[in-house]
Every structure is written in structure tokens, then in C-alpha cells.
């Protein structure tokens, strides 16, 4: 198993993560955003 790595920093309250179509999706409640991030950040 590979080591965990930070894909994105500077978030308020990231919550409800889901992996879908090769990207991590989650809600960032402080900024009222739905965010998707790929493995390349």
C-alpha cells in the first residue's frame, strides 16, 4: 500500500468525501462549495 499524500490544503470544513470517476468529491462547508480533486491535485 502506498503512503497517503495531501491532495489539497487550505480547506475550511471538508466533509462527506466520495470517490467517483477517478476524483475525490467533497463539500467544503466554510466556502459553500462542492469540490472535486484528481490525483494530480
N, C-alpha and C. Protein backbone atom coordinates (compact mmCIF):
# COMPACT_ATOMS: atom_id res chain seq x y z
N UNK A 1 0.84 -1.17 0.00
CA UNK A 1 0.00 0.00 0.00
C UNK A 1 0.89 1.24 0.00
N UNK A 2 0.54 2.23 -0.81
CA UNK A 2 1.34 3.45 -0.88
C UNK A 2 1.04 4.38 0.29
N UNK A 3 1.96 5.30 0.51
CA UNK A 3 1.81 6.27 1.59
C UNK A 3 0.72 7.29 1.26
N UNK A 4 -0.05 7.73 2.25
CA UNK A 4 -1.05 8.78 2.00
C UNK A 4 -0.35 10.09 1.63
N UNK A 5 -1.04 10.91 0.81
CA UNK A 5 -0.48 12.21 0.46
C UNK A 5 -1.59 13.26 0.46
N UNK A 6 -1.21 14.50 0.71
CA UNK A 6 -2.15 15.62 0.72
C UNK A 6 -2.43 16.01 -0.73
N UNK A 7 -3.71 16.03 -1.12
CA UNK A 7 -4.09 16.43 -2.47
C UNK A 7 -4.45 17.91 -2.55
N UNK A 8 -4.98 18.44 -1.46
CA UNK A 8 -5.46 19.83 -1.44
C UNK A 8 -5.43 20.32 -0.01
N UNK A 9 -4.95 21.54 0.21
CA UNK A 9 -4.88 22.09 1.56
C UNK A 9 -5.62 23.42 1.62
N UNK A 10 -5.73 23.99 2.81
CA UNK A 10 -6.36 25.29 2.98
C UNK A 10 -7.88 25.25 3.00
N UNK A 11 -8.44 24.11 3.35
CA UNK A 11 -9.90 23.95 3.36
C UNK A 11 -10.48 24.35 4.71
N UNK A 12 -11.76 24.76 4.70
CA UNK A 12 -12.44 25.13 5.94
C UNK A 12 -12.90 23.89 6.69
N UNK A 13 -14.04 23.35 6.31
CA UNK A 13 -14.57 22.14 6.93
C UNK A 13 -14.90 21.16 5.79
N UNK A 14 -13.91 20.39 5.31
CA UNK A 14 -14.20 19.40 4.27
C UNK A 14 -14.96 18.22 4.87
N UNK A 15 -16.00 17.77 4.18
CA UNK A 15 -16.86 16.75 4.74
C UNK A 15 -17.51 15.94 3.62
N UNK A 16 -17.98 14.76 3.95
CA UNK A 16 -18.74 13.88 3.05
C UNK A 16 -17.94 13.44 1.82
N UNK A 17 -16.72 12.92 2.00
CA UNK A 17 -15.92 12.53 0.84
C UNK A 17 -16.52 11.34 0.08
N UNK A 18 -16.39 11.39 -1.24
CA UNK A 18 -16.82 10.30 -2.12
C UNK A 18 -15.82 10.18 -3.26
N UNK A 19 -15.50 8.96 -3.66
CA UNK A 19 -14.64 8.72 -4.81
C UNK A 19 -15.54 8.40 -5.99
N UNK A 20 -15.44 9.17 -7.09
CA UNK A 20 -16.32 8.95 -8.24
C UNK A 20 -15.58 9.35 -9.51
N UNK A 21 -15.56 8.45 -10.48
CA UNK A 21 -14.95 8.69 -11.80
C UNK A 21 -13.51 9.21 -11.69
N UNK A 22 -12.74 8.62 -10.79
CA UNK A 22 -11.32 8.94 -10.68
C UNK A 22 -10.99 10.22 -9.93
N UNK A 23 -11.99 10.80 -9.27
CA UNK A 23 -11.74 12.03 -8.50
C UNK A 23 -12.39 11.91 -7.12
N UNK A 24 -11.82 12.66 -6.17
CA UNK A 24 -12.37 12.76 -4.83
C UNK A 24 -13.30 13.97 -4.79
N UNK A 25 -14.55 13.75 -4.43
CA UNK A 25 -15.56 14.81 -4.32
C UNK A 25 -15.90 15.00 -2.85
N UNK A 26 -16.08 16.25 -2.42
CA UNK A 26 -16.48 16.52 -1.04
C UNK A 26 -17.08 17.90 -0.95
N UNK A 27 -17.72 18.19 0.17
CA UNK A 27 -18.28 19.51 0.44
C UNK A 27 -17.30 20.28 1.32
N UNK A 28 -17.09 21.53 1.01
CA UNK A 28 -16.28 22.43 1.83
C UNK A 28 -17.25 23.47 2.39
N UNK A 29 -17.75 23.22 3.58
CA UNK A 29 -18.87 23.99 4.12
C UNK A 29 -18.54 25.45 4.42
N UNK A 30 -17.32 25.77 4.82
CA UNK A 30 -16.98 27.15 5.13
C UNK A 30 -17.14 28.04 3.89
N UNK A 31 -16.67 27.55 2.74
CA UNK A 31 -16.75 28.32 1.49
C UNK A 31 -18.00 28.00 0.66
N UNK A 32 -18.88 27.14 1.18
CA UNK A 32 -20.11 26.73 0.49
C UNK A 32 -19.81 26.21 -0.91
N UNK A 33 -18.94 25.20 -0.99
CA UNK A 33 -18.50 24.64 -2.26
C UNK A 33 -18.67 23.13 -2.27
N UNK A 34 -18.91 22.60 -3.47
CA UNK A 34 -18.73 21.19 -3.73
C UNK A 34 -17.47 21.12 -4.58
N UNK A 35 -16.49 20.35 -4.11
CA UNK A 35 -15.15 20.33 -4.72
C UNK A 35 -14.85 18.95 -5.27
N UNK A 36 -14.16 18.90 -6.41
CA UNK A 36 -13.65 17.65 -6.96
C UNK A 36 -12.16 17.84 -7.21
N UNK A 37 -11.36 16.86 -6.80
CA UNK A 37 -9.91 16.95 -6.99
C UNK A 37 -9.40 15.61 -7.52
N UNK A 38 -8.52 15.67 -8.52
CA UNK A 38 -7.91 14.46 -9.09
C UNK A 38 -6.65 14.09 -8.34
N UNK A 39 -6.06 12.98 -8.71
CA UNK A 39 -4.84 12.52 -8.04
C UNK A 39 -3.67 13.45 -8.24
N UNK A 40 -3.71 14.29 -9.27
CA UNK A 40 -2.63 15.23 -9.51
C UNK A 40 -2.81 16.54 -8.75
N UNK A 41 -3.91 16.65 -7.98
CA UNK A 41 -4.16 17.83 -7.17
C UNK A 41 -4.85 18.91 -7.94
